[in-house]
Amino acid sequence: MLLEEILRAGGQRGIREFRADVLASNGGMLRLLAHHTDVAWRRTLQGIAEISFRRRSPLGVTDVDAMQR
């Protein structure tokens, strides 16, 4: 999936947080982001949802755990 490739490539380059502007009426994309990423925040203005998200951590692994390795 393209989203996974973008998240993986960004992670390899040290990018941990991403931002997207999505039409608020684009339920499919909003569900995709909610299901496959950790959404840090979201706000909607004038029909545009601005979303900040990170790659979902493997089950039980936090950023602190990853930094200690």
C-alpha atoms as a PDB file:
ATOM      1  CA  MET A   1       0.000   0.000   0.000  1.00  0.00           C
ATOM      2  CA  LEU A   2       1.303   3.460  -0.894  1.00  0.00           C
ATOM      3  CA  LEU A   3       0.686   4.826   2.615  1.00  0.00           C
ATOM      4  CA  GLU A   4       2.911   2.128   4.135  1.00  0.00           C
ATOM      5  CA  GLU A   5       5.673   2.906   1.627  1.00  0.00           C
ATOM      6  CA  ILE A   6       5.511   6.621   2.449  1.00  0.00           C
ATOM      7  CA  LEU A   7       5.634   5.911   6.192  1.00  0.00           C
ATOM      8  CA  ARG A   8       8.526   3.449   5.775  1.00  0.00           C
ATOM      9  CA  ALA A   9      10.550   5.764   3.519  1.00  0.00           C
ATOM     10  CA  GLY A  10       9.991   8.692   5.867  1.00  0.00           C
ATOM     11  CA  GLY A  11      11.054   6.604   8.850  1.00  0.00           C
ATOM     12  CA  GLN A  12      14.289   5.646   7.097  1.00  0.00           C
ATOM     13  CA  ARG A  13      14.994   9.354   6.680  1.00  0.00           C
ATOM     14  CA  GLY A  14      14.199  10.227  10.276  1.00  0.00           C
ATOM     15  CA  ILE A  15      10.728  11.630   9.586  1.00  0.00           C
ATOM     16  CA  ARG A  16       8.426  10.525  12.388  1.00  0.00           C
ATOM     17  CA  GLU A  17       5.411  12.795  12.011  1.00  0.00           C
ATOM     18  CA  PHE A  18       3.413  13.466   8.874  1.00  0.00           C
ATOM     19  CA  ARG A  19       0.660  15.929   8.033  1.00  0.00           C
ATOM     20  CA  ALA A  20      -2.108  15.639   5.477  1.00  0.00           C
ATOM     21  CA  ASP A  21      -4.917  17.848   4.246  1.00  0.00           C
ATOM     22  CA  VAL A  22      -7.914  15.713   3.304  1.00  0.00           C
ATOM     23  CA  LEU A  23     -11.364  16.715   2.136  1.00  0.00           C
ATOM     24  CA  ALA A  24     -13.631  16.230   5.144  1.00  0.00           C
ATOM     25  CA  SER A  25     -16.059  14.408   2.855  1.00  0.00           C
ATOM     26  CA  ASN A  26     -13.387  11.838   1.887  1.00  0.00           C
ATOM     27  CA  GLY A  27     -14.418   9.232   4.436  1.00  0.00           C
ATOM     28  CA  GLY A  28     -12.328   6.505   2.801  1.00  0.00           C
ATOM     29  CA  MET A  29      -9.049   8.372   3.280  1.00  0.00           C
ATOM     30  CA  LEU A  30      -9.955   9.456   6.808  1.00  0.00           C
ATOM     31  CA  ARG A  31     -10.733   5.816   7.723  1.00  0.00           C
ATOM     32  CA  LEU A  32      -7.496   4.633   6.083  1.00  0.00           C
ATOM     33  CA  LEU A  33      -5.428   7.048   8.167  1.00  0.00           C
ATOM     34  CA  ALA A  34      -7.358   6.210  11.350  1.00  0.00           C
ATOM     35  CA  HIS A  35      -6.927   2.472  10.789  1.00  0.00           C
ATOM     36  CA  HIS A  36      -3.263   2.365   9.694  1.00  0.00           C
ATOM     37  CA  THR A  37      -1.632   5.242  11.619  1.00  0.00           C
ATOM     38  CA  ASP A  38      -1.630   6.846  15.042  1.00  0.00           C
ATOM     39  CA  VAL A  39      -3.427  10.163  14.568  1.00  0.00           C
ATOM     40  CA  ALA A  40      -1.902  12.784  16.874  1.00  0.00           C
ATOM     41  CA  TRP A  41      -4.480  15.474  16.131  1.00  0.00           C
ATOM     42  CA  ARG A  42      -7.112  16.472  13.611  1.00  0.00           C
ATOM     43  CA  ARG A  43      -9.022  19.674  12.958  1.00  0.00           C
ATOM     44  CA  THR A  44     -11.498  20.572  10.269  1.00  0.00           C
ATOM     45  CA  LEU A  45     -11.947  24.030   8.779  1.00  0.00           C
ATOM     46  CA  GLN A  46     -14.042  24.901   5.743  1.00  0.00           C
ATOM     47  CA  GLY A  47     -14.401  21.298   4.628  1.00  0.00           C
ATOM     48  CA  ILE A  48     -10.690  20.423   4.901  1.00  0.00           C
ATOM     49  CA  ALA A  49      -9.469  18.034   7.602  1.00  0.00           C
ATOM     50  CA  GLU A  50      -5.882  18.755   8.634  1.00  0.00           C
ATOM     51  CA  ILE A  51      -4.380  15.634  10.208  1.00  0.00           C
ATOM     52  CA  SER A  52      -1.075  14.986  11.950  1.00  0.00           C
ATOM     53  CA  PHE A  53      -0.125  11.319  12.248  1.00  0.00           C
ATOM     54  CA  ARG A  54       2.709   8.885  12.890  1.00  0.00           C
ATOM     55  CA  ARG A  55       3.461   5.369  11.769  1.00  0.00           C
ATOM     56  CA  ARG A  56       1.676   2.955  14.076  1.00  0.00           C
ATOM     57  CA  SER A  57       4.102   1.358  16.540  1.00  0.00           C
ATOM     58  CA  PRO A  58       4.302  -2.431  16.680  1.00  0.00           C
ATOM     59  CA  LEU A  59       2.110  -3.813  19.458  1.00  0.00           C
ATOM     60  CA  GLY A  60       3.651  -3.042  22.830  1.00  0.00           C
ATOM     61  CA  VAL A  61       6.519  -0.890  21.512  1.00  0.00           C
ATOM     62  CA  THR A  62       6.583   2.804  22.401  1.00  0.00           C
ATOM     63  CA  ASP A  63       8.873   5.567  21.150  1.00  0.00           C
ATOM     64  CA  VAL A  64      10.712   5.415  24.489  1.00  0.00           C
ATOM     65  CA  ASP A  65      11.293   1.659  24.040  1.00  0.00           C
ATOM     66  CA  ALA A  66      12.626   2.219  20.524  1.00  0.00           C
ATOM     67  CA  MET A  67      14.959   5.027  21.669  1.00  0.00           C
ATOM     68  CA  GLN A  68      16.483   2.806  24.372  1.00  0.00           C
ATOM     69  CA  ARG A  69      17.563   0.175  21.826  1.00  0.00           C
END
